[in-house]
Amino acid sequence: MTDIHPGQRVAVLADSQNLYHTAQSKYTRNIDYSSLLEKAVQDRTLTRAIAYVIRADHEEEESFFDALVDIGFETKIKDIKTFADGSKKADWDVGMSLDAVTLADHVDTVVLCTGDGDFSRLCSHLRHEGVRVEAMGFQTSTSEDLVDAVDEFIDLEERHETFLL
């Protein structure tokens, strides 16, 4: 495991749906993406910051997407899919994974902002490739598989006042 040092190049990949739902269900608040990004980078060199968001046609969405860009995130936006039975689905797991694998040759550290255990195999792959992997999420809703698969897990609950608006 490599330690954190100022010369490290960092990519921050934020699973906005995962973070949003946890922050809403646990605290009825929103994520402070500026604080999240600052903690993720920790005085290292930011290479890319990408927020993966879902468009569900709510009024405040566009201003949220604009705010993410102002903070320093690129936004990747996917429309929510509604199926014939009325169920809805939209997630960025494959897109985030592909971006992480693509960025692996260009960064020293990938920070995944999610609690989704589906990313544990991705973490193992990245670490095998020599990339330091960190995850940021809410411990109570984060998969143990994900926590076990990363070099460092940062629990947003420990300092939730910092990471929530």
C-alpha atoms as a PDB file:
ATOM      1  CA  MET A   1       0.000   0.000   0.000  1.00  0.00           C
ATOM      2  CA  THR A   2       1.352   3.397  -0.932  1.00  0.00           C
ATOM      3  CA  ASP A   3       1.018   6.299   1.427  1.00  0.00           C
ATOM      4  CA  ILE A   4      -0.434   9.677   0.577  1.00  0.00           C
ATOM      5  CA  HIS A   5       2.104  12.214  -0.670  1.00  0.00           C
ATOM      6  CA  PRO A   6       1.771  15.617  -2.396  1.00  0.00           C
ATOM      7  CA  GLY A   7       2.976  14.435  -5.803  1.00  0.00           C
ATOM      8  CA  GLN A   8       0.245  11.814  -6.196  1.00  0.00           C
ATOM      9  CA  ARG A   9      -2.115  12.199  -9.112  1.00  0.00           C
ATOM     10  CA  VAL A  10      -5.698  11.576  -8.031  1.00  0.00           C
ATOM     11  CA  ALA A  11      -8.932  10.794  -9.845  1.00  0.00           C
ATOM     12  CA  VAL A  12     -12.159  11.248  -7.866  1.00  0.00           C
ATOM     13  CA  LEU A  13     -15.212   9.330  -9.091  1.00  0.00           C
ATOM     14  CA  ALA A  14     -18.445  10.206  -7.286  1.00  0.00           C
ATOM     15  CA  ASP A  15     -21.483   7.916  -7.445  1.00  0.00           C
ATOM     16  CA  SER A  16     -23.968  10.741  -6.883  1.00  0.00           C
ATOM     17  CA  GLN A  17     -27.069   8.543  -6.643  1.00  0.00           C
ATOM     18  CA  ASN A  18     -25.530   6.354  -3.963  1.00  0.00           C
ATOM     19  CA  LEU A  19     -24.358   9.352  -1.920  1.00  0.00           C
ATOM     20  CA  TYR A  20     -27.642  11.224  -2.364  1.00  0.00           C
ATOM     21  CA  HIS A  21     -29.858   8.370  -1.229  1.00  0.00           C
ATOM     22  CA  THR A  22     -27.781   7.661   1.857  1.00  0.00           C
ATOM     23  CA  ALA A  23     -27.532  11.338   2.860  1.00  0.00           C
ATOM     24  CA  GLN A  24     -31.285  11.751   2.364  1.00  0.00           C
ATOM     25  CA  SER A  25     -32.384   8.596   4.170  1.00  0.00           C
ATOM     26  CA  LYS A  26     -29.992   9.006   7.102  1.00  0.00           C
ATOM     27  CA  TYR A  27     -29.832  12.792   7.553  1.00  0.00           C
ATOM     28  CA  THR A  28     -32.444  14.307   5.182  1.00  0.00           C
ATOM     29  CA  ARG A  29     -29.635  16.478   3.838  1.00  0.00           C
ATOM     30  CA  ASN A  30     -27.521  16.793   0.716  1.00  0.00           C
ATOM     31  CA  ILE A  31     -23.843  16.117   0.110  1.00  0.00           C
ATOM     32  CA  ASP A  32     -21.379  19.015   0.266  1.00  0.00           C
ATOM     33  CA  TYR A  33     -19.446  18.160  -2.898  1.00  0.00           C
ATOM     34  CA  SER A  34     -16.895  20.901  -2.321  1.00  0.00           C
ATOM     35  CA  SER A  35     -15.860  19.383   1.043  1.00  0.00           C
ATOM     36  CA  LEU A  36     -16.027  15.894  -0.444  1.00  0.00           C
ATOM     37  CA  LEU A  37     -13.638  16.840  -3.253  1.00  0.00           C
ATOM     38  CA  GLU A  38     -11.261  18.665  -0.904  1.00  0.00           C
ATOM     39  CA  LYS A  39     -11.029  15.639   1.418  1.00  0.00           C
ATOM     40  CA  ALA A  40     -10.664  13.222  -1.503  1.00  0.00           C
ATOM     41  CA  VAL A  41      -7.742  15.155  -2.967  1.00  0.00           C
ATOM     42  CA  GLN A  42      -6.006  15.927   0.382  1.00  0.00           C
ATOM     43  CA  ASP A  43      -3.340  18.283  -1.010  1.00  0.00           C
ATOM     44  CA  ARG A  44      -2.474  15.905  -3.841  1.00  0.00           C
ATOM     45  CA  THR A  45      -2.736  16.708  -7.562  1.00  0.00           C
ATOM     46  CA  LEU A  46      -6.261  16.375  -8.946  1.00  0.00           C
ATOM     47  CA  THR A  47      -6.199  14.792 -12.389  1.00  0.00           C
ATOM     48  CA  ARG A  48      -9.931  14.272 -12.927  1.00  0.00           C
ATOM     49  CA  ALA A  49     -13.058  14.610 -10.799  1.00  0.00           C
ATOM     50  CA  ILE A  50     -16.168  13.071 -12.292  1.00  0.00           C
ATOM     51  CA  ALA A  51     -19.654  13.073 -10.785  1.00  0.00           C
ATOM     52  CA  TYR A  52     -21.989  10.448 -12.212  1.00  0.00           C
ATOM     53  CA  VAL A  53     -25.530  11.779 -12.049  1.00  0.00           C
ATOM     54  CA  ILE A  54     -28.994  10.699 -13.101  1.00  0.00           C
ATOM     55  CA  ARG A  55     -31.443  13.056 -14.812  1.00  0.00           C
ATOM     56  CA  ALA A  56     -34.939  12.430 -13.453  1.00  0.00           C
ATOM     57  CA  ASP A  57     -36.538  15.701 -14.634  1.00  0.00           C
ATOM     58  CA  HIS A  58     -36.676  17.538 -11.316  1.00  0.00           C
ATOM     59  CA  GLU A  59     -36.613  21.339 -11.395  1.00  0.00           C
ATOM     60  CA  GLU A  60     -33.471  21.748  -9.294  1.00  0.00           C
ATOM     61  CA  GLU A  61     -31.395  19.209 -11.234  1.00  0.00           C
ATOM     62  CA  GLU A  62     -29.802  21.553 -13.738  1.00  0.00           C
ATOM     63  CA  SER A  63     -28.638  23.970 -11.036  1.00  0.00           C
ATOM     64  CA  PHE A  64     -27.184  20.977  -9.122  1.00  0.00           C
ATOM     65  CA  PHE A  65     -25.339  19.821 -12.254  1.00  0.00           C
ATOM     66  CA  ASP A  66     -24.040  23.387 -12.796  1.00  0.00           C
ATOM     67  CA  ALA A  67     -22.903  23.589  -9.157  1.00  0.00           C
ATOM     68  CA  LEU A  68     -20.926  20.350  -9.547  1.00  0.00           C
ATOM     69  CA  VAL A  69     -19.108  21.857 -12.534  1.00  0.00           C
ATOM     70  CA  ASP A  70     -18.404  25.072 -10.596  1.00  0.00           C
ATOM     71  CA  ILE A  71     -16.871  22.992  -7.769  1.00  0.00           C
ATOM     72  CA  GLY A  72     -14.564  21.221 -10.219  1.00  0.00           C
ATOM     73  CA  PHE A  73     -16.377  18.054 -11.248  1.00  0.00           C
ATOM     74  CA  GLU A  74     -17.039  16.939 -14.774  1.00  0.00           C
ATOM     75  CA  THR A  75     -20.583  15.619 -14.905  1.00  0.00           C
ATOM     76  CA  LYS A  76     -21.632  12.495 -16.710  1.00  0.00           C
ATOM     77  CA  ILE A  77     -25.394  12.484 -16.993  1.00  0.00           C
ATOM     78  CA  LYS A  78     -27.635   9.522 -17.707  1.00  0.00           C
ATOM     79  CA  ASP A  79     -31.409   9.696 -18.127  1.00  0.00           C
ATOM     80  CA  ILE A  80     -33.481   7.516 -15.834  1.00  0.00           C
ATOM     81  CA  LYS A  81     -35.155   4.623 -17.672  1.00  0.00           C
ATOM     82  CA  THR A  82     -38.783   3.811 -16.937  1.00  0.00           C
ATOM     83  CA  PHE A  83     -39.886   0.290 -17.848  1.00  0.00           C
ATOM     84  CA  ALA A  84     -43.331  -0.908 -18.961  1.00  0.00           C
ATOM     85  CA  ASP A  85     -44.119  -2.155 -15.445  1.00  0.00           C
ATOM     86  CA  GLY A  86     -43.428   1.328 -14.051  1.00  0.00           C
ATOM     87  CA  SER A  87     -40.106   0.417 -12.442  1.00  0.00           C
ATOM     88  CA  LYS A  88     -37.205   2.802 -12.901  1.00  0.00           C
ATOM     89  CA  LYS A  89     -33.519   2.076 -13.287  1.00  0.00           C
ATOM     90  CA  ALA A  90     -30.406   4.105 -13.747  1.00  0.00           C
ATOM     91  CA  ASP A  91     -26.940   3.460 -12.467  1.00  0.00           C
ATOM     92  CA  TRP A  92     -23.424   4.239 -13.475  1.00  0.00           C
ATOM     93  CA  ASP A  93     -21.602   1.141 -12.197  1.00  0.00           C
ATOM     94  CA  VAL A  94     -20.272   0.080 -15.594  1.00  0.00           C
ATOM     95  CA  GLY A  95     -19.449   3.637 -16.678  1.00  0.00           C
ATOM     96  CA  MET A  96     -17.597   4.398 -13.450  1.00  0.00           C
ATOM     97  CA  SER A  97     -15.694   1.128 -13.674  1.00  0.00           C
ATOM     98  CA  LEU A  98     -14.649   1.730 -17.273  1.00  0.00           C
ATOM     99  CA  ASP A  99     -13.492   5.260 -16.440  1.00  0.00           C
ATOM    100  CA  ALA A 100     -11.518   3.997 -13.418  1.00  0.00           C
ATOM    101  CA  VAL A 101      -9.763   1.340 -15.511  1.00  0.00           C
ATOM    102  CA  THR A 102      -9.059   3.876 -18.276  1.00  0.00           C
ATOM    103  CA  LEU A 103      -7.690   6.436 -15.800  1.00  0.00           C
ATOM    104  CA  ALA A 104      -5.547   3.864 -13.951  1.00  0.00           C
ATOM    105  CA  ASP A 105      -2.577   4.433 -16.278  1.00  0.00           C
ATOM    106  CA  HIS A 106      -2.717   8.196 -15.662  1.00  0.00           C
ATOM    107  CA  VAL A 107      -3.137   8.413 -11.871  1.00  0.00           C
ATOM    108  CA  ASP A 108      -1.588   7.076  -8.691  1.00  0.00           C
ATOM    109  CA  THR A 109      -4.823   7.018  -6.692  1.00  0.00           C
ATOM    110  CA  VAL A 110      -8.499   6.519  -7.493  1.00  0.00           C
ATOM    111  CA  VAL A 111     -10.990   7.737  -4.903  1.00  0.00           C
ATOM    112  CA  LEU A 112     -14.430   6.151  -5.249  1.00  0.00           C
ATOM    113  CA  CYS A 113     -17.153   8.137  -3.493  1.00  0.00           C
ATOM    114  CA  THR A 114     -19.724   5.398  -2.992  1.00  0.00           C
ATOM    115  CA  GLY A 115     -20.786   2.662  -0.628  1.00  0.00           C
ATOM    116  CA  ASP A 116     -21.685   0.230  -3.404  1.00  0.00           C
ATOM    117  CA  GLY A 117     -20.144  -3.211  -2.976  1.00  0.00           C
ATOM    118  CA  ASP A 118     -20.368  -3.798  -6.713  1.00  0.00           C
ATOM    119  CA  PHE A 119     -17.119  -1.845  -6.959  1.00  0.00           C
ATOM    120  CA  SER A 120     -15.090  -4.245  -4.799  1.00  0.00           C
ATOM    121  CA  ARG A 121     -13.827  -6.267  -7.773  1.00  0.00           C
ATOM    122  CA  LEU A 122     -12.861  -3.039  -9.520  1.00  0.00           C
ATOM    123  CA  CYS A 123     -10.841  -2.052  -6.426  1.00  0.00           C
ATOM    124  CA  SER A 124      -9.017  -5.377  -6.422  1.00  0.00           C
ATOM    125  CA  HIS A 125      -8.212  -4.959 -10.114  1.00  0.00           C
ATOM    126  CA  LEU A 126      -6.925  -1.401  -9.692  1.00  0.00           C
ATOM    127  CA  ARG A 127      -4.758  -2.351  -6.718  1.00  0.00           C
ATOM    128  CA  HIS A 128      -3.339  -5.271  -8.704  1.00  0.00           C
ATOM    129  CA  GLU A 129      -2.399  -2.712 -11.382  1.00  0.00           C
ATOM    130  CA  GLY A 130      -0.503  -0.690  -8.758  1.00  0.00           C
ATOM    131  CA  VAL A 131      -3.104   2.010  -8.180  1.00  0.00           C
ATOM    132  CA  ARG A 132      -3.931   3.118  -4.633  1.00  0.00           C
ATOM    133  CA  VAL A 133      -7.699   2.898  -4.096  1.00  0.00           C
ATOM    134  CA  GLU A 134      -9.643   4.863  -1.517  1.00  0.00           C
ATOM    135  CA  ALA A 135     -13.372   4.911  -0.897  1.00  0.00           C
ATOM    136  CA  MET A 136     -15.491   7.557   0.777  1.00  0.00           C
ATOM    137  CA  GLY A 137     -18.949   6.647   2.008  1.00  0.00           C
ATOM    138  CA  PHE A 138     -21.288   6.374   4.959  1.00  0.00           C
ATOM    139  CA  GLN A 139     -20.085   3.375   6.986  1.00  0.00           C
ATOM    140  CA  THR A 140     -23.559   2.133   7.949  1.00  0.00           C
ATOM    141  CA  SER A 141     -24.624   1.861   4.316  1.00  0.00           C
ATOM    142  CA  THR A 142     -21.288   0.846   2.814  1.00  0.00           C
ATOM    143  CA  SER A 143     -20.669  -2.725   1.753  1.00  0.00           C
ATOM    144  CA  GLU A 144     -18.084  -4.563   3.840  1.00  0.00           C
ATOM    145  CA  ASP A 145     -16.768  -6.004   0.569  1.00  0.00           C
ATOM    146  CA  LEU A 146     -15.931  -2.481  -0.593  1.00  0.00           C
ATOM    147  CA  VAL A 147     -14.272  -1.512   2.710  1.00  0.00           C
ATOM    148  CA  ASP A 148     -12.164  -4.685   2.591  1.00  0.00           C
ATOM    149  CA  ALA A 149     -11.137  -4.082  -1.034  1.00  0.00           C
ATOM    150  CA  VAL A 150      -9.658  -0.565  -0.653  1.00  0.00           C
ATOM    151  CA  ASP A 151      -6.394   0.772   0.729  1.00  0.00           C
ATOM    152  CA  GLU A 152      -8.269   3.327   2.827  1.00  0.00           C
ATOM    153  CA  PHE A 153     -11.921   3.899   3.677  1.00  0.00           C
ATOM    154  CA  ILE A 154     -13.017   7.361   4.755  1.00  0.00           C
ATOM    155  CA  ASP A 155     -16.250   7.246   6.753  1.00  0.00           C
ATOM    156  CA  LEU A 156     -18.333  10.336   5.972  1.00  0.00           C
ATOM    157  CA  GLU A 157     -20.413   9.687   9.103  1.00  0.00           C
ATOM    158  CA  GLU A 158     -17.464  10.418  11.392  1.00  0.00           C
ATOM    159  CA  ARG A 159     -17.487  14.025  10.216  1.00  0.00           C
ATOM    160  CA  HIS A 160     -20.939  14.242   8.653  1.00  0.00           C
ATOM    161  CA  GLU A 161     -21.266  17.959   9.490  1.00  0.00           C
ATOM    162  CA  THR A 162     -18.323  18.554   7.148  1.00  0.00           C
ATOM    163  CA  PHE A 163     -19.774  16.562   4.276  1.00  0.00           C
ATOM    164  CA  LEU A 164     -23.439  17.529   4.430  1.00  0.00           C
ATOM    165  CA  LEU A 165     -25.187  20.772   3.508  1.00  0.00           C
END
